[in-house]
Amino acid sequence: MVCIFIIIMMVGCTSDQTSNQEVREKIEAYITESLEYEAGSYVKVNSQIIMSGTDEQLSVETRQIKDYFTKQGSYIKTKLIHSSTKQNSDEEEVIEKEPMTILLPVDLALDESKTFPSGEELDEKESEKVKQHIIATFDDAF
């Protein structure tokens, strides 16, 4: 009986906090070196990161479009990756066969003198364009 009361109180407190949660979103477009275990030499990325909640109960959801390229600039593949910190949420991944990122240079061979990640801050219009592109791409793929 005491356990049921505690669970009810926890659910009640959680639902009160949910209505007051701050939601923050970050939209990015950048180029970075690929990791050792990934294909290719560099990756073009469009990403959306949504954070909601408080420090104690922070929830994070990410959507990434990642185009992989060789050192010479030849396209390899694209990964669409969706992940979330919500319970029972596995990372989802779809492989595509054509480049899908936007607002990044089309022809680019890896210049080892450049510092990665490389990318400019997006203005509000560009950020909205990337966000809508990510949403549409993921709606089609998942």
Protein backbone atom coordinates (compact mmCIF):
# COMPACT_ATOMS: atom_id res chain seq x y z
CA MET A 1 0.00 0.00 0.00
CA VAL A 2 2.85 2.38 0.87
CA CYS A 3 4.55 1.55 -2.46
CA ILE A 4 1.38 2.43 -4.39
CA PHE A 5 1.15 5.76 -2.54
CA ILE A 6 4.79 6.57 -3.33
CA ILE A 7 4.31 5.70 -7.01
CA ILE A 8 1.19 7.88 -7.21
CA MET A 9 3.07 10.76 -5.59
CA MET A 10 5.99 10.36 -7.99
CA VAL A 11 3.69 10.31 -11.02
CA GLY A 12 1.88 13.36 -9.72
CA CYS A 13 5.13 15.27 -9.23
CA THR A 14 6.42 14.20 -12.62
CA SER A 15 3.30 15.36 -14.43
CA ASP A 16 3.52 18.77 -12.71
CA GLN A 17 7.13 19.14 -13.83
CA THR A 18 6.30 18.15 -17.40
CA SER A 19 4.12 21.21 -17.93
CA ASN A 20 6.94 23.51 -16.75
CA GLN A 21 9.76 21.89 -18.76
CA GLU A 22 11.94 24.08 -20.90
CA VAL A 23 12.52 22.84 -24.44
CA ARG A 24 15.75 23.83 -26.18
CA GLU A 25 16.64 23.03 -29.77
CA LYS A 26 19.93 23.25 -31.66
CA ILE A 27 20.16 22.98 -35.44
CA GLU A 28 23.60 22.43 -36.98
CA ALA A 29 25.27 22.02 -40.38
CA TYR A 30 28.97 21.17 -40.28
CA ILE A 31 31.80 19.06 -41.67
CA THR A 32 34.00 16.91 -39.44
CA GLU A 33 36.53 14.11 -39.67
CA SER A 34 35.01 10.65 -39.49
CA LEU A 35 35.76 8.47 -36.50
CA GLU A 36 38.24 5.59 -36.76
CA TYR A 37 35.53 2.95 -37.00
CA GLU A 38 33.47 4.88 -39.58
CA ALA A 39 33.81 4.74 -43.35
CA GLY A 40 35.65 7.50 -45.17
CA SER A 41 37.73 10.45 -44.10
CA TYR A 42 35.15 13.12 -43.41
CA VAL A 43 31.44 13.56 -42.79
CA LYS A 44 28.97 16.29 -43.69
CA VAL A 45 26.31 16.57 -40.99
CA ASN A 46 22.90 18.21 -40.62
CA SER A 47 21.61 17.70 -37.10
CA GLN A 48 18.70 18.57 -34.85
CA ILE A 49 19.10 18.22 -31.09
CA ILE A 50 16.04 18.68 -28.87
CA MET A 51 16.55 18.90 -25.10
CA SER A 52 13.64 19.09 -22.68
CA GLY A 53 13.27 18.86 -18.94
CA THR A 54 15.45 19.78 -16.04
CA ASP A 55 18.91 18.65 -14.98
CA GLU A 56 17.43 15.77 -12.99
CA GLN A 57 15.18 14.57 -15.80
CA LEU A 58 16.76 15.85 -19.00
CA SER A 59 15.46 14.22 -22.16
CA VAL A 60 17.50 14.46 -25.37
CA GLU A 61 16.43 13.52 -28.89
CA THR A 62 18.74 13.76 -31.90
CA ARG A 63 18.25 13.43 -35.63
CA GLN A 64 21.35 13.38 -37.83
CA ILE A 65 21.88 13.23 -41.57
CA LYS A 66 25.49 12.12 -42.11
CA ASP A 67 27.05 12.00 -45.60
CA TYR A 68 30.37 10.10 -45.66
CA PHE A 69 33.17 10.96 -48.12
CA THR A 70 36.68 9.74 -48.98
CA LYS A 71 39.74 11.92 -48.58
CA GLN A 72 39.49 12.75 -52.30
CA GLY A 73 35.88 13.90 -51.94
CA SER A 74 34.12 10.84 -53.40
CA TYR A 75 30.74 10.07 -51.86
CA ILE A 76 30.44 6.77 -49.91
CA LYS A 77 27.04 6.62 -48.19
CA THR A 78 24.52 8.48 -46.04
CA LYS A 79 23.28 7.49 -42.60
CA LEU A 80 20.08 8.82 -41.06
CA ILE A 81 20.35 8.38 -37.29
CA HIS A 82 17.58 8.95 -34.76
CA SER A 83 18.26 8.51 -31.05
CA SER A 84 16.55 9.45 -27.81
CA THR A 85 17.19 9.14 -24.09
CA LYS A 86 13.57 8.17 -23.47
CA GLN A 87 13.00 4.75 -21.92
CA ASN A 88 12.82 1.77 -24.27
CA SER A 89 14.19 3.84 -27.13
CA ASP A 90 16.80 2.20 -29.34
CA GLU A 91 18.87 4.14 -31.84
CA GLU A 92 17.35 3.87 -35.30
CA GLU A 93 19.46 4.01 -38.44
CA VAL A 94 18.67 4.04 -42.15
CA ILE A 95 21.32 3.86 -44.91
CA GLU A 96 20.74 5.91 -48.08
CA LYS A 97 22.64 5.87 -51.38
CA GLU A 98 22.82 9.57 -52.22
CA PRO A 99 24.05 12.67 -50.38
CA MET A 100 21.28 14.36 -48.41
CA THR A 101 22.86 17.15 -46.35
CA ILE A 102 22.16 20.77 -47.30
CA LEU A 103 23.88 24.15 -46.84
CA LEU A 104 27.37 22.60 -47.02
CA PRO A 105 29.90 22.78 -49.90
CA VAL A 106 29.14 20.23 -52.62
CA ASP A 107 32.67 19.69 -53.94
CA LEU A 108 35.13 19.31 -51.12
CA ALA A 109 38.27 17.21 -50.87
CA LEU A 110 39.73 16.81 -47.40
CA ASP A 111 42.21 19.59 -46.68
CA GLU A 112 44.32 18.28 -43.82
CA SER A 113 45.39 21.82 -42.92
CA LYS A 114 41.81 22.70 -42.00
CA THR A 115 40.56 22.38 -38.47
CA PHE A 116 37.48 20.24 -37.92
CA PRO A 117 34.63 20.51 -37.23
CA SER A 118 34.13 23.16 -39.86
CA GLY A 119 30.95 25.13 -40.28
CA GLU A 120 29.50 28.57 -39.98
CA GLU A 121 26.82 29.58 -37.51
CA LEU A 122 23.45 29.28 -39.20
CA ASP A 123 21.25 32.35 -39.29
CA GLU A 124 17.57 31.98 -38.38
CA LYS A 125 16.44 31.39 -41.98
CA GLU A 126 19.15 28.77 -42.65
CA SER A 127 18.44 27.07 -39.33
CA GLU A 128 14.74 26.78 -40.19
CA LYS A 129 15.60 25.45 -43.67
CA VAL A 130 17.87 22.73 -42.21
CA LYS A 131 15.26 21.87 -39.55
CA GLN A 132 12.47 21.44 -42.13
CA HIS A 133 14.80 19.38 -44.36
CA ILE A 134 15.65 17.06 -41.45
CA ILE A 135 11.99 16.66 -40.44
CA ALA A 136 10.89 15.90 -44.04
CA THR A 137 13.79 13.47 -44.59
CA PHE A 138 13.07 11.57 -41.37
CA ASP A 139 9.31 11.50 -42.02
CA ASP A 140 10.03 9.80 -45.36
CA ALA A 141 12.64 7.36 -43.99
CA PHE A 142 11.18 6.22 -40.67
